[in-house]
Amino acid sequence: MNDNLYQELQIPNLFVPCYNNKIFGKSIEIALPVSLINKEFKNWLASLNISLRDCRFFSAEPGHKYTLHKDISWRAEKFYKITDCVKINLIYNASNSKMIWYKENSDAVPIVINNKVGEELRIYKEEQCSVIFESKVVGPACLVNGMAIHTMVNGNTTRHCYSLPLIDLTTKNRLTWDSAVNRLSKYIKQY
C-alpha cells in the first residue's frame, strides 16, 4: 500500500448513486453537480469539515484503459499553482479493476488535450513514465491522490465511479493528502 496515493475507506453507507440505473453505451465522463449529491452524504462530510467541488461521474466499459493523466486541469496547476486533488471515489459494478500511478521520466513531454468535460488536461505517454504503485480497486470507497500521474484499467464489467474532490468547508481550499487522511483516519481500512 502506498500511503500517499491510495487508501481504501469504510465510510457510512449514506451516498445515493444518481446514475447507476442508466445504461451508457460507451465509456463516459460527465460533470456531476454537487446539487445532485444527496443531503445525508453531504452532511456526513460537513461533520468532518469537508465539502465538495468539481465532482465527476465516470462509466467505463469492460477493458477500458484511461490515458495517463492527473485529475487537474493544466491551467489550474500552472497558473493557479494547484498542488492538491484528493478525492473520494465511490465505485460501483467494478470487477478486476486496477489503478496504476506513475512518475515522469526525465524525457517526458506531456501533451495538452481537452477532456470529455472540456477541460484542458495534460496526458502522458506510458513509455515516458515509470510505475510507482498499483492497486486493485473494487470499492466501494477509496481515497485517491489525483495529483500523481495515473491510469485506471477497468476489469470485465461496466464500472461506475463517482469522483468527489475534497474541499475544506471553512477555507474553500482543496484538502491536502495529509489533511484528508487526518479527517478520514477513522474510516481508513486497517490491514
N, C-alpha and C. Protein backbone atom coordinates (compact mmCIF):
# COMPACT_ATOMS: atom_id res chain seq x y z
N MET A 1 0.85 -1.19 0.00
CA MET A 1 0.00 0.00 0.00
C MET A 1 0.89 1.24 0.00
N ASN A 2 0.63 2.18 -0.90
CA ASN A 2 1.35 3.44 -0.91
C ASN A 2 0.50 4.46 -0.18
N ASP A 3 0.96 4.87 0.98
CA ASP A 3 0.16 5.72 1.87
C ASP A 3 -0.08 7.12 1.34
N ASN A 4 0.61 7.54 0.27
CA ASN A 4 0.44 8.89 -0.26
C ASN A 4 -0.37 8.94 -1.55
N LEU A 5 -0.85 7.78 -2.01
CA LEU A 5 -1.57 7.74 -3.28
C LEU A 5 -2.96 7.14 -3.18
N TYR A 6 -3.15 6.19 -2.27
CA TYR A 6 -4.39 5.43 -2.27
C TYR A 6 -4.64 4.83 -0.89
N GLN A 7 -5.89 4.93 -0.44
CA GLN A 7 -6.31 4.30 0.80
C GLN A 7 -7.73 3.78 0.60
N GLU A 8 -7.99 2.55 0.99
CA GLU A 8 -9.36 2.05 0.98
C GLU A 8 -10.10 2.60 2.19
N LEU A 9 -11.37 2.91 1.99
CA LEU A 9 -12.18 3.51 3.05
C LEU A 9 -13.37 2.62 3.40
N GLN A 10 -13.76 2.67 4.65
CA GLN A 10 -15.02 2.09 5.12
C GLN A 10 -15.82 3.25 5.68
N ILE A 11 -16.65 3.85 4.83
CA ILE A 11 -17.41 5.02 5.23
C ILE A 11 -18.87 4.64 5.44
N PRO A 12 -19.64 5.48 6.13
CA PRO A 12 -21.06 5.19 6.29
C PRO A 12 -21.74 5.05 4.93
N ASN A 13 -22.68 4.16 4.84
CA ASN A 13 -23.38 3.89 3.58
C ASN A 13 -24.49 4.92 3.38
N LEU A 14 -24.09 6.16 3.12
CA LEU A 14 -25.05 7.26 3.00
C LEU A 14 -25.22 7.76 1.57
N PHE A 15 -24.26 7.49 0.72
CA PHE A 15 -24.28 8.02 -0.64
C PHE A 15 -25.36 7.33 -1.46
N VAL A 16 -26.13 8.13 -2.19
CA VAL A 16 -27.17 7.59 -3.07
C VAL A 16 -26.73 7.82 -4.51
N PRO A 17 -26.38 6.75 -5.24
CA PRO A 17 -25.96 6.90 -6.64
C PRO A 17 -27.09 7.51 -7.48
N CYS A 18 -26.74 8.45 -8.32
CA CYS A 18 -27.78 9.10 -9.13
C CYS A 18 -27.75 8.67 -10.59
N TYR A 19 -26.74 7.91 -11.02
CA TYR A 19 -26.68 7.48 -12.42
C TYR A 19 -26.59 5.97 -12.59
N ASN A 20 -26.56 5.21 -11.52
CA ASN A 20 -26.31 3.77 -11.64
C ASN A 20 -27.35 3.01 -12.44
N ASN A 21 -28.57 3.53 -12.52
CA ASN A 21 -29.61 2.82 -13.27
C ASN A 21 -29.61 3.16 -14.75
N LYS A 22 -28.79 4.13 -15.15
CA LYS A 22 -28.71 4.49 -16.57
C LYS A 22 -27.75 3.54 -17.27
N ILE A 23 -28.05 3.25 -18.50
CA ILE A 23 -27.17 2.40 -19.31
C ILE A 23 -26.46 3.29 -20.31
N PHE A 24 -25.15 3.30 -20.25
CA PHE A 24 -24.35 4.09 -21.17
C PHE A 24 -23.72 3.14 -22.18
N GLY A 25 -23.76 3.49 -23.44
CA GLY A 25 -23.25 2.61 -24.49
C GLY A 25 -21.76 2.67 -24.68
N LYS A 26 -21.09 3.57 -23.98
CA LYS A 26 -19.64 3.70 -24.12
C LYS A 26 -19.08 4.30 -22.83
N SER A 27 -17.76 4.36 -22.75
CA SER A 27 -17.14 4.98 -21.58
C SER A 27 -17.38 6.48 -21.63
N ILE A 28 -17.78 7.04 -20.49
CA ILE A 28 -18.10 8.47 -20.44
C ILE A 28 -17.51 9.13 -19.20
N GLU A 29 -17.43 10.45 -19.25
CA GLU A 29 -17.12 11.30 -18.11
C GLU A 29 -18.08 12.47 -18.19
N ILE A 30 -18.81 12.73 -17.10
CA ILE A 30 -19.69 13.88 -17.07
C ILE A 30 -19.52 14.63 -15.76
N ALA A 31 -19.71 15.94 -15.82
CA ALA A 31 -19.69 16.75 -14.61
C ALA A 31 -20.87 16.34 -13.74
N LEU A 32 -20.63 16.20 -12.46
CA LEU A 32 -21.66 15.82 -11.50
C LEU A 32 -21.93 17.01 -10.59
N PRO A 33 -23.03 17.73 -10.81
CA PRO A 33 -23.33 18.87 -9.95
C PRO A 33 -23.47 18.43 -8.48
N VAL A 34 -22.86 19.19 -7.59
CA VAL A 34 -22.94 18.87 -6.17
C VAL A 34 -24.40 18.83 -5.72
N SER A 35 -25.25 19.59 -6.37
CA SER A 35 -26.68 19.61 -6.01
C SER A 35 -27.35 18.25 -6.20
N LEU A 36 -26.77 17.38 -7.04
CA LEU A 36 -27.34 16.04 -7.24
C LEU A 36 -26.91 15.04 -6.17
N ILE A 37 -25.93 15.41 -5.36
CA ILE A 37 -25.46 14.52 -4.30
C ILE A 37 -26.38 14.67 -3.10
N ASN A 38 -26.81 13.53 -2.57
CA ASN A 38 -27.82 13.56 -1.51
C ASN A 38 -27.33 14.24 -0.23
N LYS A 39 -28.29 14.86 0.45
CA LYS A 39 -28.04 15.69 1.63
C LYS A 39 -27.36 14.91 2.76
N GLU A 40 -27.76 13.66 2.98
CA GLU A 40 -27.19 12.87 4.08
C GLU A 40 -25.70 12.66 3.90
N PHE A 41 -25.27 12.41 2.67
CA PHE A 41 -23.85 12.23 2.41
C PHE A 41 -23.09 13.54 2.60
N LYS A 42 -23.65 14.63 2.09
CA LYS A 42 -23.00 15.94 2.25
C LYS A 42 -22.95 16.35 3.72
N ASN A 43 -23.98 16.00 4.49
CA ASN A 43 -23.97 16.32 5.93
C ASN A 43 -22.90 15.53 6.66
N TRP A 44 -22.70 14.26 6.27
CA TRP A 44 -21.64 13.47 6.88
C TRP A 44 -20.28 14.12 6.59
N LEU A 45 -20.05 14.52 5.35
CA LEU A 45 -18.79 15.20 5.02
C LEU A 45 -18.64 16.50 5.81
N ALA A 46 -19.73 17.26 5.92
CA ALA A 46 -19.69 18.52 6.65
C ALA A 46 -19.31 18.30 8.11
N SER A 47 -19.71 17.16 8.69
CA SER A 47 -19.33 16.86 10.07
C SER A 47 -17.82 16.67 10.22
N LEU A 48 -17.14 16.46 9.09
CA LEU A 48 -15.67 16.33 9.07
C LEU A 48 -15.02 17.61 8.54
N ASN A 49 -15.82 18.67 8.40
CA ASN A 49 -15.39 19.95 7.85
C ASN A 49 -14.91 19.80 6.39
N ILE A 50 -15.65 19.00 5.62
CA ILE A 50 -15.33 18.74 4.22
C ILE A 50 -16.54 19.09 3.37
N SER A 51 -16.28 19.71 2.23
CA SER A 51 -17.32 19.91 1.22
C SER A 51 -16.78 19.39 -0.12
N LEU A 52 -17.55 19.57 -1.17
CA LEU A 52 -17.20 19.03 -2.48
C LEU A 52 -17.23 20.11 -3.55
N ARG A 53 -16.44 19.88 -4.62
CA ARG A 53 -16.44 20.77 -5.78
C ARG A 53 -15.89 20.01 -6.98
N ASP A 54 -16.36 20.34 -8.16
CA ASP A 54 -15.83 19.77 -9.41
C ASP A 54 -15.96 18.25 -9.47
N CYS A 55 -17.08 17.72 -9.02
CA CYS A 55 -17.29 16.28 -9.00
C CYS A 55 -17.52 15.74 -10.41
N ARG A 56 -17.25 14.45 -10.58
CA ARG A 56 -17.41 13.78 -11.87
C ARG A 56 -18.07 12.43 -11.68
N PHE A 57 -18.73 11.98 -12.76
CA PHE A 57 -19.23 10.61 -12.84
C PHE A 57 -18.56 9.98 -14.05
N PHE A 58 -18.05 8.76 -13.85
CA PHE A 58 -17.42 8.00 -14.93
C PHE A 58 -18.15 6.68 -15.10
N SER A 59 -18.35 6.30 -16.32
CA SER A 59 -18.82 4.96 -16.64
C SER A 59 -17.80 4.39 -17.62
N ALA A 60 -17.21 3.26 -17.28
CA ALA A 60 -16.17 2.67 -18.12
C ALA A 60 -16.60 1.28 -18.59
N GLU A 61 -16.47 1.07 -19.87
CA GLU A 61 -16.79 -0.22 -20.47
C GLU A 61 -15.78 -1.27 -20.02
N PRO A 62 -16.15 -2.53 -20.08
CA PRO A 62 -15.18 -3.59 -19.75
C PRO A 62 -13.90 -3.44 -20.57
N GLY A 63 -12.76 -3.52 -19.88
CA GLY A 63 -11.46 -3.44 -20.54
C GLY A 63 -10.97 -2.04 -20.84
N HIS A 64 -11.76 -1.02 -20.55
CA HIS A 64 -11.35 0.36 -20.86
C HIS A 64 -10.11 0.75 -20.05
N LYS A 65 -9.17 1.44 -20.69
CA LYS A 65 -7.98 1.95 -20.01
C LYS A 65 -7.88 3.44 -20.30
N TYR A 66 -7.80 4.24 -19.25
CA TYR A 66 -7.68 5.68 -19.39
C TYR A 66 -6.25 6.05 -19.77
N THR A 67 -6.11 7.13 -20.51
CA THR A 67 -4.79 7.68 -20.82
C THR A 67 -4.15 8.15 -19.52
N LEU A 68 -2.83 8.07 -19.41
CA LEU A 68 -2.14 8.56 -18.22
C LEU A 68 -2.40 10.05 -18.06
N HIS A 69 -2.77 10.46 -16.84
CA HIS A 69 -3.17 11.85 -16.61
C HIS A 69 -3.10 12.18 -15.12
N LYS A 70 -3.27 13.47 -14.82
CA LYS A 70 -3.54 13.95 -13.47
C LYS A 70 -4.99 14.43 -13.46
N ASP A 71 -5.61 14.47 -12.28
CA ASP A 71 -7.02 14.86 -12.17
C ASP A 71 -7.17 16.37 -11.94
N ILE A 72 -6.42 17.15 -12.66
CA ILE A 72 -6.48 18.60 -12.51
C ILE A 72 -6.18 19.22 -13.86
N SER A 73 -6.84 20.31 -14.19
CA SER A 73 -6.54 20.95 -15.47
C SER A 73 -5.12 21.51 -15.42
N TRP A 74 -4.48 21.53 -16.58
CA TRP A 74 -3.11 22.03 -16.60
C TRP A 74 -3.07 23.51 -16.27
N ARG A 75 -4.13 24.26 -16.59
CA ARG A 75 -4.18 25.69 -16.25
C ARG A 75 -4.22 25.88 -14.73
N ALA A 76 -5.04 25.07 -14.04
CA ALA A 76 -5.13 25.19 -12.58
C ALA A 76 -3.78 24.88 -11.94
N GLU A 77 -3.10 23.90 -12.48
CA GLU A 77 -1.79 23.54 -11.94
C GLU A 77 -0.74 24.60 -12.27
N LYS A 78 -0.74 25.07 -13.52
CA LYS A 78 0.30 26.01 -13.96
C LYS A 78 0.07 27.43 -13.46
N PHE A 79 -1.13 27.96 -13.67
CA PHE A 79 -1.37 29.37 -13.37
C PHE A 79 -1.82 29.63 -11.95
N TYR A 80 -2.60 28.69 -11.39
CA TYR A 80 -3.11 28.89 -10.04
C TYR A 80 -2.33 28.10 -9.00
N LYS A 81 -1.31 27.41 -9.49
CA LYS A 81 -0.40 26.66 -8.61
C LYS A 81 -1.13 25.65 -7.72
N ILE A 82 -2.19 25.04 -8.27
CA ILE A 82 -2.92 24.00 -7.53
C ILE A 82 -2.01 22.79 -7.39
N THR A 83 -1.84 22.32 -6.18
CA THR A 83 -0.94 21.19 -5.93
C THR A 83 -1.65 19.99 -5.32
N ASP A 84 -2.96 20.12 -5.07
CA ASP A 84 -3.68 19.03 -4.42
C ASP A 84 -4.97 18.72 -5.16
N CYS A 85 -5.24 17.45 -5.31
CA CYS A 85 -6.52 16.99 -5.86
C CYS A 85 -6.83 15.63 -5.23
N VAL A 86 -7.25 15.70 -3.98
CA VAL A 86 -7.57 14.50 -3.22
C VAL A 86 -9.06 14.22 -3.37
N LYS A 87 -9.40 12.97 -3.63
CA LYS A 87 -10.79 12.62 -3.93
C LYS A 87 -11.22 11.39 -3.15
N ILE A 88 -12.52 11.34 -2.90
CA ILE A 88 -13.14 10.08 -2.54
C ILE A 88 -13.74 9.56 -3.83
N ASN A 89 -13.37 8.36 -4.20
CA ASN A 89 -14.00 7.68 -5.34
C ASN A 89 -14.95 6.64 -4.79
N LEU A 90 -16.21 6.71 -5.22
CA LEU A 90 -17.22 5.74 -4.85
C LEU A 90 -17.47 4.89 -6.08
N ILE A 91 -17.22 3.59 -5.96
CA ILE A 91 -17.14 2.70 -7.11
C ILE A 91 -18.24 1.66 -7.05
N TYR A 92 -18.90 1.48 -8.20
CA TYR A 92 -19.99 0.51 -8.31
C TYR A 92 -19.75 -0.36 -9.53
N ASN A 93 -20.14 -1.61 -9.44
CA ASN A 93 -20.09 -2.56 -10.55
C ASN A 93 -18.66 -2.87 -10.99
N ALA A 94 -17.70 -2.71 -10.13
CA ALA A 94 -16.30 -2.93 -10.52
C ALA A 94 -15.92 -4.39 -10.30
N SER A 95 -15.15 -4.90 -11.21
CA SER A 95 -14.61 -6.24 -11.08
C SER A 95 -13.25 -6.27 -11.75
N ASN A 96 -12.23 -6.62 -11.01
CA ASN A 96 -10.87 -6.74 -11.53
C ASN A 96 -10.30 -5.44 -12.08
N SER A 97 -10.72 -4.29 -11.56
CA SER A 97 -10.17 -3.01 -11.97
C SER A 97 -8.90 -2.72 -11.17
N LYS A 98 -8.02 -1.92 -11.76
CA LYS A 98 -6.83 -1.50 -11.01
C LYS A 98 -6.43 -0.09 -11.41
N MET A 99 -5.86 0.62 -10.44
CA MET A 99 -5.26 1.93 -10.69
C MET A 99 -3.76 1.75 -10.66
N ILE A 100 -3.10 2.49 -11.55
CA ILE A 100 -1.64 2.45 -11.62
C ILE A 100 -1.15 3.89 -11.59
N TRP A 101 -0.21 4.19 -10.69
CA TRP A 101 0.39 5.52 -10.57
C TRP A 101 1.79 5.50 -11.15
N TYR A 102 2.20 6.64 -11.69
CA TYR A 102 3.48 6.77 -12.38
C TYR A 102 4.22 8.03 -11.93
N LYS A 103 5.51 8.07 -12.24
CA LYS A 103 6.27 9.32 -12.17
C LYS A 103 6.84 9.56 -13.56
N GLU A 104 7.00 10.83 -13.88
CA GLU A 104 7.56 11.20 -15.18
C GLU A 104 9.03 10.85 -15.25
N ASN A 105 9.47 10.30 -16.38
CA ASN A 105 10.89 10.15 -16.63
C ASN A 105 11.44 11.50 -17.08
N SER A 106 12.74 11.65 -17.10
CA SER A 106 13.35 12.93 -17.48
C SER A 106 13.02 13.33 -18.92
N ASP A 107 12.69 12.36 -19.78
CA ASP A 107 12.38 12.67 -21.18
C ASP A 107 10.88 12.88 -21.43
N ALA A 108 10.07 12.92 -20.38
CA ALA A 108 8.62 13.03 -20.55
C ALA A 108 8.23 14.38 -21.15
N VAL A 109 7.34 14.33 -22.12
CA VAL A 109 6.80 15.53 -22.75
C VAL A 109 5.27 15.39 -22.74
N PRO A 110 4.61 15.99 -21.73
CA PRO A 110 3.15 15.89 -21.67
C PRO A 110 2.50 16.59 -22.86
N ILE A 111 1.31 16.13 -23.20
CA ILE A 111 0.52 16.71 -24.28
C ILE A 111 -0.76 17.27 -23.66
N VAL A 112 -1.19 18.45 -24.10
CA VAL A 112 -2.42 19.04 -23.58
C VAL A 112 -3.57 18.68 -24.53
N ILE A 113 -4.64 18.13 -23.96
CA ILE A 113 -5.84 17.77 -24.72
C ILE A 113 -7.06 18.36 -24.02
N ASN A 114 -8.20 18.31 -24.65
CA ASN A 114 -9.46 18.64 -23.99
C ASN A 114 -10.11 17.34 -23.56
N ASN A 115 -10.45 17.23 -22.27
CA ASN A 115 -11.11 16.02 -21.81
C ASN A 115 -12.60 16.06 -22.16
N LYS A 116 -13.35 15.08 -21.71
CA LYS A 116 -14.75 14.94 -22.11
C LYS A 116 -15.67 16.00 -21.52
N VAL A 117 -15.17 16.77 -20.52
CA VAL A 117 -15.99 17.86 -19.97
C VAL A 117 -15.42 19.22 -20.37
N GLY A 118 -14.49 19.23 -21.33
CA GLY A 118 -13.99 20.48 -21.89
C GLY A 118 -12.81 21.11 -21.19
N GLU A 119 -12.24 20.46 -20.19
CA GLU A 119 -11.05 21.00 -19.51
C GLU A 119 -9.80 20.63 -20.30
N GLU A 120 -8.82 21.52 -20.27
CA GLU A 120 -7.53 21.20 -20.85
C GLU A 120 -6.76 20.37 -19.82
N LEU A 121 -6.35 19.20 -20.24
CA LEU A 121 -5.74 18.23 -19.35
C LEU A 121 -4.42 17.78 -19.96
N ARG A 122 -3.41 17.64 -19.11
CA ARG A 122 -2.14 17.09 -19.60
C ARG A 122 -2.21 15.58 -19.54
N ILE A 123 -1.82 14.94 -20.62
CA ILE A 123 -1.72 13.49 -20.65
C ILE A 123 -0.27 13.12 -20.90
N TYR A 124 0.07 11.88 -20.58
CA TYR A 124 1.45 11.43 -20.62
C TYR A 124 1.54 10.12 -21.40
N LYS A 125 2.67 9.92 -22.07
CA LYS A 125 2.92 8.67 -22.77
C LYS A 125 3.48 7.67 -21.76
N GLU A 126 2.92 6.48 -21.79
CA GLU A 126 3.32 5.45 -20.83
C GLU A 126 4.81 5.14 -20.91
N GLU A 127 5.36 5.16 -22.12
CA GLU A 127 6.78 4.84 -22.28
C GLU A 127 7.70 5.95 -21.74
N GLN A 128 7.12 7.12 -21.40
CA GLN A 128 7.92 8.21 -20.83
C GLN A 128 7.72 8.33 -19.31
N CYS A 129 7.11 7.31 -18.72
CA CYS A 129 6.84 7.30 -17.28
C CYS A 129 7.20 5.94 -16.69
N SER A 130 7.39 5.92 -15.38
CA SER A 130 7.70 4.68 -14.67
C SER A 130 6.65 4.42 -13.60
N VAL A 131 6.23 3.17 -13.49
CA VAL A 131 5.24 2.77 -12.50
C VAL A 131 5.83 2.93 -11.10
N ILE A 132 5.06 3.56 -10.21
CA ILE A 132 5.50 3.66 -8.81
C ILE A 132 4.59 2.88 -7.86
N PHE A 133 3.35 2.59 -8.30
CA PHE A 133 2.42 1.86 -7.43
C PHE A 133 1.22 1.42 -8.24
N GLU A 134 0.66 0.27 -7.89
CA GLU A 134 -0.62 -0.12 -8.47
C GLU A 134 -1.43 -0.86 -7.41
N SER A 135 -2.74 -0.76 -7.56
CA SER A 135 -3.63 -1.39 -6.60
C SER A 135 -4.90 -1.85 -7.28
N LYS A 136 -5.40 -3.00 -6.87
CA LYS A 136 -6.73 -3.45 -7.30
C LYS A 136 -7.73 -2.50 -6.66
N VAL A 137 -8.73 -2.08 -7.45
CA VAL A 137 -9.71 -1.12 -6.97
C VAL A 137 -11.10 -1.66 -7.26
N VAL A 138 -11.79 -2.10 -6.22
CA VAL A 138 -13.14 -2.62 -6.42
C VAL A 138 -14.18 -1.83 -5.63
N GLY A 139 -13.75 -1.00 -4.73
CA GLY A 139 -14.69 -0.18 -3.98
C GLY A 139 -15.14 -0.85 -2.70
N PRO A 140 -16.12 -0.34 -2.08
CA PRO A 140 -16.98 0.71 -2.60
C PRO A 140 -16.42 2.12 -2.48
N ALA A 141 -15.44 2.36 -1.60
CA ALA A 141 -14.93 3.72 -1.42
C ALA A 141 -13.42 3.70 -1.25
N CYS A 142 -12.78 4.70 -1.84
CA CYS A 142 -11.34 4.84 -1.64
C CYS A 142 -10.96 6.32 -1.71
N LEU A 143 -9.85 6.62 -1.06
CA LEU A 143 -9.26 7.94 -1.08
C LEU A 143 -8.14 7.90 -2.11
N VAL A 144 -8.16 8.84 -3.05
CA VAL A 144 -7.24 8.80 -4.19
C VAL A 144 -6.51 10.13 -4.30
N ASN A 145 -5.20 10.07 -4.54
CA ASN A 145 -4.40 11.25 -4.81
C ASN A 145 -4.38 11.47 -6.32
N GLY A 146 -5.20 12.40 -6.80
CA GLY A 146 -5.32 12.66 -8.23
C GLY A 146 -4.26 13.57 -8.80
N MET A 147 -3.33 14.06 -7.97
CA MET A 147 -2.25 14.91 -8.47
C MET A 147 -1.07 14.11 -8.98
N ALA A 148 -1.04 12.83 -8.69
CA ALA A 148 0.01 11.96 -9.24
C ALA A 148 -0.50 11.42 -10.58
N ILE A 149 0.40 11.25 -11.52
CA ILE A 149 0.04 10.70 -12.82
C ILE A 149 -0.49 9.29 -12.59
N HIS A 150 -1.61 8.96 -13.24
CA HIS A 150 -2.21 7.64 -13.03
C HIS A 150 -3.09 7.25 -14.20
N THR A 151 -3.50 6.00 -14.17
CA THR A 151 -4.48 5.48 -15.10
C THR A 151 -5.38 4.52 -14.35
N MET A 152 -6.51 4.20 -14.95
CA MET A 152 -7.42 3.18 -14.43
C MET A 152 -7.61 2.17 -15.55
N VAL A 153 -7.42 0.92 -15.20
CA VAL A 153 -7.65 -0.17 -16.16
C VAL A 153 -8.88 -0.92 -15.66
N ASN A 154 -9.94 -0.84 -16.42
CA ASN A 154 -11.20 -1.45 -15.99
C ASN A 154 -11.16 -2.97 -16.21
N GLY A 155 -11.87 -3.67 -15.36
CA GLY A 155 -11.95 -5.13 -15.45
C GLY A 155 -12.99 -5.58 -16.46
N ASN A 156 -13.72 -6.62 -16.12
CA ASN A 156 -14.60 -7.25 -17.09
C ASN A 156 -16.08 -6.88 -16.92
N THR A 157 -16.37 -5.79 -16.21
CA THR A 157 -17.75 -5.31 -16.07
C THR A 157 -17.78 -3.82 -16.38
N THR A 158 -18.97 -3.28 -16.57
CA THR A 158 -19.10 -1.83 -16.74
C THR A 158 -18.99 -1.20 -15.35
N ARG A 159 -18.01 -0.35 -15.18
CA ARG A 159 -17.69 0.25 -13.89
C ARG A 159 -18.25 1.66 -13.83
N HIS A 160 -18.90 1.99 -12.71
CA HIS A 160 -19.36 3.35 -12.46
C HIS A 160 -18.56 3.91 -11.29
N CYS A 161 -18.13 5.16 -11.43
CA CYS A 161 -17.35 5.80 -10.37
C CYS A 161 -17.82 7.23 -10.19
N TYR A 162 -18.11 7.58 -8.95
CA TYR A 162 -18.41 8.96 -8.57
C TYR A 162 -17.13 9.49 -7.94
N SER A 163 -16.52 10.47 -8.58
CA SER A 163 -15.24 11.01 -8.16
C SER A 163 -15.47 12.38 -7.52
N LEU A 164 -15.16 12.48 -6.22
CA LEU A 164 -15.57 13.63 -5.42
C LEU A 164 -14.36 14.34 -4.82
N PRO A 165 -13.85 15.43 -5.45
CA PRO A 165 -12.74 16.19 -4.89
C PRO A 165 -13.11 16.83 -3.55
N LEU A 166 -12.22 16.74 -2.59
CA LEU A 166 -12.49 17.18 -1.23
C LEU A 166 -11.99 18.61 -1.00
N ILE A 167 -12.87 19.42 -0.40
CA ILE A 167 -12.61 20.83 -0.15
C ILE A 167 -12.79 21.09 1.34
N ASP A 168 -11.95 21.95 1.91
CA ASP A 168 -12.13 22.37 3.29
C ASP A 168 -13.39 23.23 3.36
N LEU A 169 -14.32 22.85 4.21
CA LEU A 169 -15.61 23.53 4.30
C LEU A 169 -15.45 24.99 4.71
N THR A 170 -14.45 25.29 5.55
CA THR A 170 -14.26 26.64 6.06
C THR A 170 -13.50 27.52 5.08
N THR A 171 -12.35 27.05 4.61
CA THR A 171 -11.48 27.88 3.76
C THR A 171 -11.84 27.82 2.28
N LYS A 172 -12.57 26.78 1.87
CA LYS A 172 -12.93 26.53 0.46
C LYS A 172 -11.73 26.14 -0.39
N ASN A 173 -10.60 25.80 0.25
CA ASN A 173 -9.41 25.33 -0.46
C ASN A 173 -9.45 23.81 -0.57
N ARG A 174 -8.74 23.28 -1.56
CA ARG A 174 -8.64 21.84 -1.72
C ARG A 174 -7.91 21.26 -0.51
N LEU A 175 -8.36 20.08 -0.08
CA LEU A 175 -7.65 19.41 1.02
C LEU A 175 -6.33 18.85 0.50
N THR A 176 -5.32 18.92 1.34
CA THR A 176 -4.08 18.22 1.04
C THR A 176 -4.29 16.74 1.36
N TRP A 177 -3.38 15.91 0.87
CA TRP A 177 -3.47 14.49 1.18
C TRP A 177 -3.44 14.27 2.69
N ASP A 178 -2.49 14.90 3.37
CA ASP A 178 -2.35 14.70 4.82
C ASP A 178 -3.59 15.15 5.58
N SER A 179 -4.18 16.26 5.16
CA SER A 179 -5.38 16.75 5.83
C SER A 179 -6.56 15.80 5.61
N ALA A 180 -6.69 15.29 4.40
CA ALA A 180 -7.77 14.34 4.11
C ALA A 180 -7.60 13.06 4.92
N VAL A 181 -6.38 12.55 4.97
CA VAL A 181 -6.10 11.34 5.75
C VAL A 181 -6.41 11.58 7.22
N ASN A 182 -6.04 12.75 7.73
CA ASN A 182 -6.31 13.08 9.12
C ASN A 182 -7.82 13.11 9.40
N ARG A 183 -8.57 13.79 8.55
CA ARG A 183 -10.01 13.93 8.78
C ARG A 183 -10.75 12.60 8.59
N LEU A 184 -10.24 11.75 7.72
CA LEU A 184 -10.91 10.48 7.43
C LEU A 184 -10.24 9.29 8.12
N SER A 185 -9.33 9.55 9.04
CA SER A 185 -8.50 8.49 9.63
C SER A 185 -9.31 7.33 10.21
N LYS A 186 -10.43 7.61 10.87
CA LYS A 186 -11.19 6.50 11.46
C LYS A 186 -11.95 5.69 10.43
N TYR A 187 -11.95 6.15 9.17
CA TYR A 187 -12.63 5.43 8.09
C TYR A 187 -11.66 4.69 7.15
N ILE A 188 -10.36 4.85 7.38
CA ILE A 188 -9.37 4.18 6.55
C ILE A 188 -9.26 2.72 6.99
N LYS A 189 -9.38 1.82 6.03
CA LYS A 189 -9.30 0.38 6.34
C LYS A 189 -7.90 0.06 6.86
N GLN A 190 -7.88 -0.71 7.93
CA GLN A 190 -6.63 -1.17 8.51
C GLN A 190 -6.42 -2.63 8.14
N TYR A 191 -5.21 -2.97 7.75
CA TYR A 191 -4.90 -4.36 7.36
C TYR A 191 -3.93 -4.99 8.32
